[in-house]
PDB file of N, CA and C in Angstrom:
ATOM      1  N   MET A   1     100.421  69.593 156.808  1.00  0.00           N
ATOM      2  CA  MET A   1      99.206  70.153 157.180  1.00  0.00           C
ATOM      3  C   MET A   1      98.041  69.027 157.243  1.00  0.00           C
ATOM      4  N   SER A   2      98.733  67.949 157.533  1.00  0.00           N
ATOM      5  CA  SER A   2      97.269  66.711 157.212  1.00  0.00           C
ATOM      6  C   SER A   2      96.627  66.657 158.723  1.00  0.00           C
ATOM      7  N   ARG A   3      96.798  67.134 159.332  1.00  0.00           N
ATOM      8  CA  ARG A   3      96.050  66.962 160.748  1.00  0.00           C
ATOM      9  C   ARG A   3      95.139  67.946 161.004  1.00  0.00           C
ATOM     10  N   PRO A   4      94.004  67.992 161.377  1.00  0.00           N
ATOM     11  CA  PRO A   4      92.798  69.211 161.658  1.00  0.00           C
ATOM     12  C   PRO A   4      93.340  70.058 162.716  1.00  0.00           C
ATOM     13  N   VAL A   5      93.229  71.469 162.584  1.00  0.00           N
ATOM     14  CA  VAL A   5      92.820  72.480 163.070  1.00  0.00           C
ATOM     15  C   VAL A   5      91.366  72.240 164.095  1.00  0.00           C
ATOM     16  N   VAL A   6      91.814  71.835 165.742  1.00  0.00           N
ATOM     17  CA  VAL A   6      90.275  71.916 166.049  1.00  0.00           C
ATOM     18  C   VAL A   6      90.625  72.797 167.441  1.00  0.00           C
ATOM     19  N   ASN A   7      89.843  73.981 167.573  1.00  0.00           N
ATOM     20  CA  ASN A   7      89.976  74.448 168.530  1.00  0.00           C
ATOM     21  C   ASN A   7      88.540  74.830 169.550  1.00  0.00           C
ATOM     22  N   LEU A   8      88.055  75.395 170.841  1.00  0.00           N
ATOM     23  CA  LEU A   8      87.352  75.179 171.492  1.00  0.00           C
ATOM     24  C   LEU A   8      87.067  76.703 171.708  1.00  0.00           C
ATOM     25  N   ARG A   9      85.805  77.030 171.349  1.00  0.00           N
ATOM     26  CA  ARG A   9      85.337  78.305 171.423  1.00  0.00           C
ATOM     27  C   ARG A   9      84.658  78.490 172.187  1.00  0.00           C
ATOM     28  N   HIS A  10      84.620  79.406 173.250  1.00  0.00           N
ATOM     29  CA  HIS A  10      84.141  79.495 174.651  1.00  0.00           C
ATOM     30  C   HIS A  10      83.926  81.106 174.981  1.00  0.00           C
ATOM     31  N   PHE A  11      82.461  81.743 174.894  1.00  0.00           N
ATOM     32  CA  PHE A  11      82.770  82.843 175.466  1.00  0.00           C
ATOM     33  C   PHE A  11      81.303  83.145 176.366  1.00  0.00           C
ATOM     34  N   PRO A  12      82.132  82.965 178.002  1.00  0.00           N
ATOM     35  CA  PRO A  12      80.777  82.889 179.098  1.00  0.00           C
ATOM     36  C   PRO A  12      79.927  84.030 179.229  1.00  0.00           C
ATOM     37  N   ARG A  13      79.071  84.103 179.737  1.00  0.00           N
ATOM     38  CA  ARG A  13      77.532  85.011 179.381  1.00  0.00           C
ATOM     39  C   ARG A  13      78.039  85.904 180.819  1.00  0.00           C
ATOM     40  N   LEU A  14      78.757  87.276 181.546  1.00  0.00           N
ATOM     41  CA  LEU A  14      79.121  88.037 182.095  1.00  0.00           C
ATOM     42  C   LEU A  14      77.796  88.412 183.163  1.00  0.00           C
ATOM     43  N   ALA A  15      76.615  88.312 182.605  1.00  0.00           N
ATOM     44  CA  ALA A  15      75.900  88.587 183.472  1.00  0.00           C
ATOM     45  C   ALA A  15      75.454  87.738 184.285  1.00  0.00           C
ATOM     46  N   ALA A  16      75.399  88.161 185.910  1.00  0.00           N
ATOM     47  CA  ALA A  16      75.062  87.652 187.115  1.00  0.00           C
ATOM     48  C   ALA A  16      74.020  86.740 187.165  1.00  0.00           C
ATOM     49  N   GLY A  17      74.331  85.437 187.336  1.00  0.00           N
ATOM     50  CA  GLY A  17      73.380  84.126 187.343  1.00  0.00           C
ATOM     51  C   GLY A  17      73.185  83.228 186.706  1.00  0.00           C
ATOM     52  N   GLN A  18      74.172  84.085 185.127  1.00  0.00           N
ATOM     53  CA  GLN A  18      74.390  83.380 184.225  1.00  0.00           C
ATOM     54  C   GLN A  18      75.689  82.448 183.513  1.00  0.00           C
ATOM     55  N   HIS A  19      76.441  82.845 184.562  1.00  0.00           N
ATOM     56  CA  HIS A  19      77.995  82.160 184.296  1.00  0.00           C
ATOM     57  C   HIS A  19      78.005  80.907 183.739  1.00  0.00           C
ATOM     58  N   ASP A  20      77.329  79.772 183.875  1.00  0.00           N
ATOM     59  CA  ASP A  20      77.184  78.667 184.143  1.00  0.00           C
ATOM     60  C   ASP A  20      76.424  78.465 182.504  1.00  0.00           C
ATOM     61  N   LYS A  21      75.901  79.643 181.980  1.00  0.00           N
ATOM     62  CA  LYS A  21      75.405  79.075 180.372  1.00  0.00           C
ATOM     63  C   LYS A  21      76.052  79.824 179.227  1.00  0.00           C
ATOM     64  N   PRO A  22      76.831  79.629 178.796  1.00  0.00           N
ATOM     65  CA  PRO A  22      77.701  80.395 178.246  1.00  0.00           C
ATOM     66  C   PRO A  22      77.305  80.795 176.917  1.00  0.00           C
ATOM     67  N   ALA A  23      77.545  81.900 176.047  1.00  0.00           N
ATOM     68  CA  ALA A  23      76.539  82.522 174.811  1.00  0.00           C
ATOM     69  C   ALA A  23      77.373  81.676 173.739  1.00  0.00           C
ATOM     70  N   VAL A  24      78.645  80.942 173.958  1.00  0.00           N
ATOM     71  CA  VAL A  24      79.544  80.086 172.801  1.00  0.00           C
ATOM     72  C   VAL A  24      80.108  79.201 173.834  1.00  0.00           C
ATOM     73  N   HIS A  25      79.898  77.790 173.172  1.00  0.00           N
ATOM     74  CA  HIS A  25      81.022  76.896 173.616  1.00  0.00           C
ATOM     75  C   HIS A  25      80.831  75.833 172.985  1.00  0.00           C
ATOM     76  N   GLU A  26      81.536  76.094 171.940  1.00  0.00           N
ATOM     77  CA  GLU A  26      81.641  74.765 171.013  1.00  0.00           C
ATOM     78  C   GLU A  26      82.844  74.369 170.394  1.00  0.00           C
ATOM     79  N   LEU A  27      83.189  72.777 169.895  1.00  0.00           N
ATOM     80  CA  LEU A  27      84.412  72.323 169.327  1.00  0.00           C
ATOM     81  C   LEU A  27      83.766  72.480 167.931  1.00  0.00           C
ATOM     82  N   VAL A  28      85.149  73.395 167.085  1.00  0.00           N
ATOM     83  CA  VAL A  28      85.364  73.590 165.350  1.00  0.00           C
ATOM     84  C   VAL A  28      86.582  73.096 165.090  1.00  0.00           C
ATOM     85  N   MET A  29      86.164  72.861 163.987  1.00  0.00           N
ATOM     86  CA  MET A  29      87.606  72.264 163.157  1.00  0.00           C
ATOM     87  C   MET A  29      87.535  73.600 161.775  1.00  0.00           C
ATOM     88  N   SER A  30      88.507  74.028 161.762  1.00  0.00           N
ATOM     89  CA  SER A  30      89.103  75.068 160.882  1.00  0.00           C
ATOM     90  C   SER A  30      89.062  74.377 159.439  1.00  0.00           C
ATOM     91  N   VAL A  31      88.302  75.304 158.236  1.00  0.00           N
ATOM     92  CA  VAL A  31      88.527  75.164 157.440  1.00  0.00           C
ATOM     93  C   VAL A  31      89.515  75.473 156.476  1.00  0.00           C
ATOM     94  N   LEU A  32      90.628  75.713 156.015  1.00  0.00           N
ATOM     95  CA  LEU A  32      91.799  76.069 155.869  1.00  0.00           C
ATOM     96  C   LEU A  32      91.959  76.634 154.089  1.00  0.00           C
ATOM     97  N   ASP A  33      92.863  77.508 153.964  1.00  0.00           N
ATOM     98  CA  ASP A  33      93.356  77.368 152.580  1.00  0.00           C
ATOM     99  C   ASP A  33      94.513  78.187 152.406  1.00  0.00           C
ATOM    100  N   GLY A  34      94.686  78.276 151.518  1.00  0.00           N
ATOM    101  CA  GLY A  34      96.555  79.034 151.402  1.00  0.00           C
ATOM    102  C   GLY A  34      97.274  78.266 152.623  1.00  0.00           C
ATOM    103  N   ALA A  35      97.184  77.200 152.787  1.00  0.00           N
ATOM    104  CA  ALA A  35      98.413  77.039 153.941  1.00  0.00           C
ATOM    105  C   ALA A  35      99.729  77.112 153.410  1.00  0.00           C
ATOM    106  N   ALA A  36     101.011  77.488 154.355  1.00  0.00           N
ATOM    107  CA  ALA A  36     102.193  77.479 153.187  1.00  0.00           C
ATOM    108  C   ALA A  36     103.080  77.225 154.735  1.00  0.00           C
ATOM    109  N   VAL A  37     104.308  76.633 154.648  1.00  0.00           N
ATOM    110  CA  VAL A  37     105.345  76.136 155.062  1.00  0.00           C
ATOM    111  C   VAL A  37     106.648  76.722 154.850  1.00  0.00           C
ATOM    112  N   SER A  38     107.353  77.321 155.475  1.00  0.00           N
ATOM    113  CA  SER A  38     108.878  77.961 155.061  1.00  0.00           C
ATOM    114  C   SER A  38     109.922  77.984 155.935  1.00  0.00           C
ATOM    115  N   GLU A  39     110.960  77.997 155.497  1.00  0.00           N
ATOM    116  CA  GLU A  39     112.105  77.971 156.195  1.00  0.00           C
ATOM    117  C   GLU A  39     111.930  76.564 157.348  1.00  0.00           C
ATOM    118  N   ALA A  40     111.598  75.578 157.410  1.00  0.00           N
ATOM    119  CA  ALA A  40     111.478  74.828 158.011  1.00  0.00           C
ATOM    120  C   ALA A  40     113.207  73.845 158.060  1.00  0.00           C
ATOM    121  N   TRP A  41     113.472  73.528 159.301  1.00  0.00           N
ATOM    122  CA  TRP A  41     114.616  72.735 160.026  1.00  0.00           C
ATOM    123  C   TRP A  41     114.079  72.310 161.157  1.00  0.00           C
ATOM    124  N   ALA A  42     115.270  71.177 161.090  1.00  0.00           N
ATOM    125  CA  ALA A  42     115.165  69.864 162.226  1.00  0.00           C
ATOM    126  C   ALA A  42     116.938  70.220 163.064  1.00  0.00           C
ATOM    127  N   GLY A  43     117.016  69.714 164.380  1.00  0.00           N
ATOM    128  CA  GLY A  43     118.292  70.063 164.919  1.00  0.00           C
ATOM    129  C   GLY A  43     118.142  69.424 166.222  1.00  0.00           C
ATOM    130  N   THR A  44     119.511  69.460 166.772  1.00  0.00           N
ATOM    131  CA  THR A  44     119.195  69.341 168.281  1.00  0.00           C
ATOM    132  C   THR A  44     118.489  70.247 169.125  1.00  0.00           C
ATOM    133  N   ALA A  45     117.925  69.876 170.455  1.00  0.00           N
ATOM    134  CA  ALA A  45     117.195  70.815 171.158  1.00  0.00           C
ATOM    135  C   ALA A  45     117.542  70.974 172.698  1.00  0.00           C
ATOM    136  N   ASP A  46     117.179  72.064 173.210  1.00  0.00           N
ATOM    137  CA  ASP A  46     117.710  72.547 174.356  1.00  0.00           C
ATOM    138  C   ASP A  46     116.270  72.846 174.897  1.00  0.00           C
ATOM    139  N   LEU A  47     115.776  72.084 176.171  1.00  0.00           N
ATOM    140  CA  LEU A  47     114.558  73.100 176.644  1.00  0.00           C
ATOM    141  C   LEU A  47     114.544  73.214 178.052  1.00  0.00           C
ATOM    142  N   ALA A  48     114.326  74.609 178.409  1.00  0.00           N
ATOM    143  CA  ALA A  48     114.428  75.138 179.687  1.00  0.00           C
ATOM    144  C   ALA A  48     113.023  76.306 180.074  1.00  0.00           C
ATOM    145  N   SER A  49     112.686  75.907 181.347  1.00  0.00           N
ATOM    146  CA  SER A  49     111.494  77.049 181.866  1.00  0.00           C
ATOM    147  C   SER A  49     111.802  77.998 182.831  1.00  0.00           C
ATOM    148  N   LEU A  50     111.718  78.865 182.572  1.00  0.00           N
ATOM    149  CA  LEU A  50     112.377  80.447 183.736  1.00  0.00           C
ATOM    150  C   LEU A  50     111.325  80.353 184.676  1.00  0.00           C
ATOM    151  N   PRO A  51     111.844  80.668 185.897  1.00  0.00           N
ATOM    152  CA  PRO A  51     111.443  80.977 186.944  1.00  0.00           C
ATOM    153  C   PRO A  51     110.139  81.861 186.859  1.00  0.00           C
ATOM    154  N   ALA A  52     109.234  82.060 187.181  1.00  0.00           N
ATOM    155  CA  ALA A  52     108.061  83.127 187.298  1.00  0.00           C
ATOM    156  C   ALA A  52     107.386  82.792 188.638  1.00  0.00           C
ATOM    157  N   ARG A  53     107.045  83.710 189.396  1.00  0.00           N
ATOM    158  CA  ARG A  53     106.494  83.924 190.627  1.00  0.00           C
ATOM    159  C   ARG A  53     105.102  83.296 190.417  1.00  0.00           C
ATOM    160  N   GLY A  54     105.187  82.014 191.423  1.00  0.00           N
ATOM    161  CA  GLY A  54     103.754  81.630 191.532  1.00  0.00           C
ATOM    162  C   GLY A  54     103.347  80.551 190.533  1.00  0.00           C
ATOM    163  N   GLU A  55     104.479  80.059 189.501  1.00  0.00           N
ATOM    164  CA  GLU A  55     104.929  79.354 188.859  1.00  0.00           C
ATOM    165  C   GLU A  55     105.648  77.678 189.604  1.00  0.00           C
ATOM    166  N   GLU A  56     105.573  76.846 189.400  1.00  0.00           N
ATOM    167  CA  GLU A  56     106.148  75.365 189.855  1.00  0.00           C
ATOM    168  C   GLU A  56     107.209  74.786 188.618  1.00  0.00           C
ATOM    169  N   LEU A  57     106.797  75.000 187.284  1.00  0.00           N
ATOM    170  CA  LEU A  57     107.206  74.638 186.127  1.00  0.00           C
ATOM    171  C   LEU A  57     108.426  74.646 186.207  1.00  0.00           C
ATOM    172  N   ALA A  58     109.174  75.325 186.338  1.00  0.00           N
ATOM    173  CA  ALA A  58     110.318  75.705 186.301  1.00  0.00           C
ATOM    174  C   ALA A  58     111.779  74.703 187.454  1.00  0.00           C
ATOM    175  N   ASP A  59     110.693  74.178 187.945  1.00  0.00           N
ATOM    176  CA  ASP A  59     111.431  73.564 189.617  1.00  0.00           C
ATOM    177  C   ASP A  59     111.070  71.559 188.955  1.00  0.00           C
ATOM    178  N   LEU A  60     110.506  71.552 187.863  1.00  0.00           N
ATOM    179  CA  LEU A  60     110.145  70.370 187.552  1.00  0.00           C
ATOM    180  C   LEU A  60     111.931  70.268 186.545  1.00  0.00           C
ATOM    181  N   PRO A  61     112.590  69.146 186.718  1.00  0.00           N
ATOM    182  CA  PRO A  61     114.155  68.919 185.811  1.00  0.00           C
ATOM    183  C   PRO A  61     113.156  68.348 184.636  1.00  0.00           C
ATOM    184  N   VAL A  62     113.855  68.547 183.303  1.00  0.00           N
ATOM    185  CA  VAL A  62     113.932  68.257 182.144  1.00  0.00           C
ATOM    186  C   VAL A  62     114.510  66.905 182.149  1.00  0.00           C
ATOM    187  N   GLN A  63     113.980  65.716 181.548  1.00  0.00           N
ATOM    188  CA  GLN A  63     114.439  64.935 181.636  1.00  0.00           C
ATOM    189  C   GLN A  63     115.673  63.968 180.342  1.00  0.00           C
ATOM    190  N   ARG A  64     114.888  64.568 179.505  1.00  0.00           N
ATOM    191  CA  ARG A  64     115.207  64.421 178.231  1.00  0.00           C
ATOM    192  C   ARG A  64     114.759  65.253 176.905  1.00  0.00           C
ATOM    193  N   THR A  65     115.322  65.517 176.521  1.00  0.00           N
ATOM    194  CA  THR A  65     114.803  65.824 174.726  1.00  0.00           C
ATOM    195  C   THR A  65     115.347  65.464 173.689  1.00  0.00           C
ATOM    196  N   GLY A  66     114.462  65.422 172.237  1.00  0.00           N
ATOM    197  CA  GLY A  66     114.735  64.760 171.301  1.00  0.00           C
ATOM    198  C   GLY A  66     115.334  65.949 170.274  1.00  0.00           C
ATOM    199  N   ARG A  67     114.523  65.692 169.427  1.00  0.00           N
ATOM    200  CA  ARG A  67     115.078  66.336 168.034  1.00  0.00           C
ATOM    201  C   ARG A  67     114.568  68.043 168.095  1.00  0.00           C
ATOM    202  N   GLY A  68     114.742  68.923 168.109  1.00  0.00           N
ATOM    203  CA  GLY A  68     114.257  70.565 167.621  1.00  0.00           C
ATOM    204  C   GLY A  68     113.763  70.612 166.514  1.00  0.00           C
ATOM    205  N   PHE A  69     112.388  71.219 166.151  1.00  0.00           N
ATOM    206  CA  PHE A  69     111.895  71.715 164.877  1.00  0.00           C
ATOM    207  C   PHE A  69     111.949  72.929 165.169  1.00  0.00           C
ATOM    208  N   HIS A  70     111.870  73.976 163.815  1.00  0.00           N
ATOM    209  CA  HIS A  70     111.262  75.268 163.729  1.00  0.00           C
ATOM    210  C   HIS A  70     111.103  75.347 162.678  1.00  0.00           C
ATOM    211  N   PHE A  71     110.246  76.241 161.948  1.00  0.00           N
ATOM    212  CA  PHE A  71     109.269  76.538 160.732  1.00  0.00           C
ATOM    213  C   PHE A  71     108.224  77.075 161.209  1.00  0.00           C
ATOM    214  N   ASP A  72     108.036  78.005 160.113  1.00  0.00           N
ATOM    215  CA  ASP A  72     106.961  79.291 160.068  1.00  0.00           C
ATOM    216  C   ASP A  72     105.768  78.432 159.197  1.00  0.00           C
ATOM    217  N   LEU A  73     104.573  78.938 159.685  1.00  0.00           N
ATOM    218  CA  LEU A  73     103.064  78.469 158.831  1.00  0.00           C
ATOM    219  C   LEU A  73     102.326  79.673 158.780  1.00  0.00           C
ATOM    220  N   ALA A  74     101.610  79.582 157.727  1.00  0.00           N
ATOM    221  CA  ALA A  74     100.784  81.289 157.595  1.00  0.00           C
ATOM    222  C   ALA A  74      99.855  80.241 156.818  1.00  0.00           C
ATOM    223  N   TYR A  75      98.563  80.296 157.230  1.00  0.00           N
ATOM    224  CA  TYR A  75      96.973  79.583 156.829  1.00  0.00           C
ATOM    225  C   TYR A  75      95.756  80.505 157.057  1.00  0.00           C
ATOM    226  N   THR A  76      95.002  80.758 156.414  1.00  0.00           N
ATOM    227  CA  THR A  76      93.984  81.211 155.960  1.00  0.00           C
ATOM    228  C   THR A  76      92.275  80.570 156.390  1.00  0.00           C
ATOM    229  N   VAL A  77      91.563  81.071 157.581  1.00  0.00           N
ATOM    230  CA  VAL A  77      90.555  80.132 157.984  1.00  0.00           C
ATOM    231  C   VAL A  77      89.963  80.648 156.977  1.00  0.00           C
ATOM    232  N   THR A  78      88.981  79.807 156.273  1.00  0.00           N
ATOM    233  CA  THR A  78      87.557  80.723 155.397  1.00  0.00           C
ATOM    234  C   THR A  78      86.594  80.071 156.302  1.00  0.00           C
ATOM    235  N   ASP A  79      86.394  78.893 156.969  1.00  0.00           N
ATOM    236  CA  ASP A  79      85.142  78.702 157.608  1.00  0.00           C
ATOM    237  C   ASP A  79      85.427  77.682 158.721  1.00  0.00           C
ATOM    238  N   LEU A  80      84.086  77.573 159.294  1.00  0.00           N
ATOM    239  CA  LEU A  80      84.575  76.601 160.621  1.00  0.00           C
ATOM    240  C   LEU A  80      83.493  75.575 160.561  1.00  0.00           C
ATOM    241  N   LYS A  81      83.826  74.353 160.755  1.00  0.00           N
ATOM    242  CA  LYS A  81      82.812  73.141 160.706  1.00  0.00           C
ATOM    243  C   LYS A  81      82.482  72.820 162.009  1.00  0.00           C
ATOM    244  N   THR A  82      81.674  73.501 162.466  1.00  0.00           N
ATOM    245  CA  THR A  82      81.069  72.648 164.045  1.00  0.00           C
ATOM    246  C   THR A  82      80.750  70.776 164.473  1.00  0.00           C
ATOM    247  N   LEU A  83      81.717  70.674 165.400  1.00  0.00           N
ATOM    248  CA  LEU A  83      81.759  69.204 165.572  1.00  0.00           C
ATOM    249  C   LEU A  83      80.582  68.987 167.011  1.00  0.00           C
ATOM    250  N   VAL A  84      80.713  69.983 167.811  1.00  0.00           N
ATOM    251  CA  VAL A  84      79.977  69.948 168.413  1.00  0.00           C
ATOM    252  C   VAL A  84      79.782  71.201 169.515  1.00  0.00           C
ATOM    253  N   ASP A  85      78.443  71.683 170.046  1.00  0.00           N
ATOM    254  CA  ASP A  85      77.766  73.203 170.222  1.00  0.00           C
ATOM    255  C   ASP A  85      77.174  72.581 171.366  1.00  0.00           C
ATOM    256  N   HIS A  86      77.975  73.068 172.656  1.00  0.00           N
ATOM    257  CA  HIS A  86      77.134  73.076 173.990  1.00  0.00           C
ATOM    258  C   HIS A  86      76.792  74.460 174.407  1.00  0.00           C
ATOM    259  N   SER A  87      76.366  75.242 173.455  1.00  0.00           N
ATOM    260  CA  SER A  87      76.098  76.358 173.920  1.00  0.00           C
ATOM    261  C   SER A  87      74.800  76.969 174.350  1.00  0.00           C
ATOM    262  N   ASN A  88      74.303  77.457 175.300  1.00  0.00           N
ATOM    263  CA  ASN A  88      72.902  77.726 175.657  1.00  0.00           C
ATOM    264  C   ASN A  88      72.475  75.753 176.479  1.00  0.00           C
TER     265      ASN A  88
END
């Protein structure tokens, strides 16, 4: 949990003529509390994309994979720090 959790919050205006002026368009960093990781493990990995109508990802061959990781992560977002605000 040494890296920040950054999100783009974007809520467009749905009114005609205002689609290019979002109600919210900001880059925020989450202030976290109570972060916990459990049942973490690492091992060999396989990667595959299942075919889906209209999608081409499954047609791209996997060149190589490294190690695989799995863990459970939980945290509470107690605040947001606005990094950039382009609303209005």
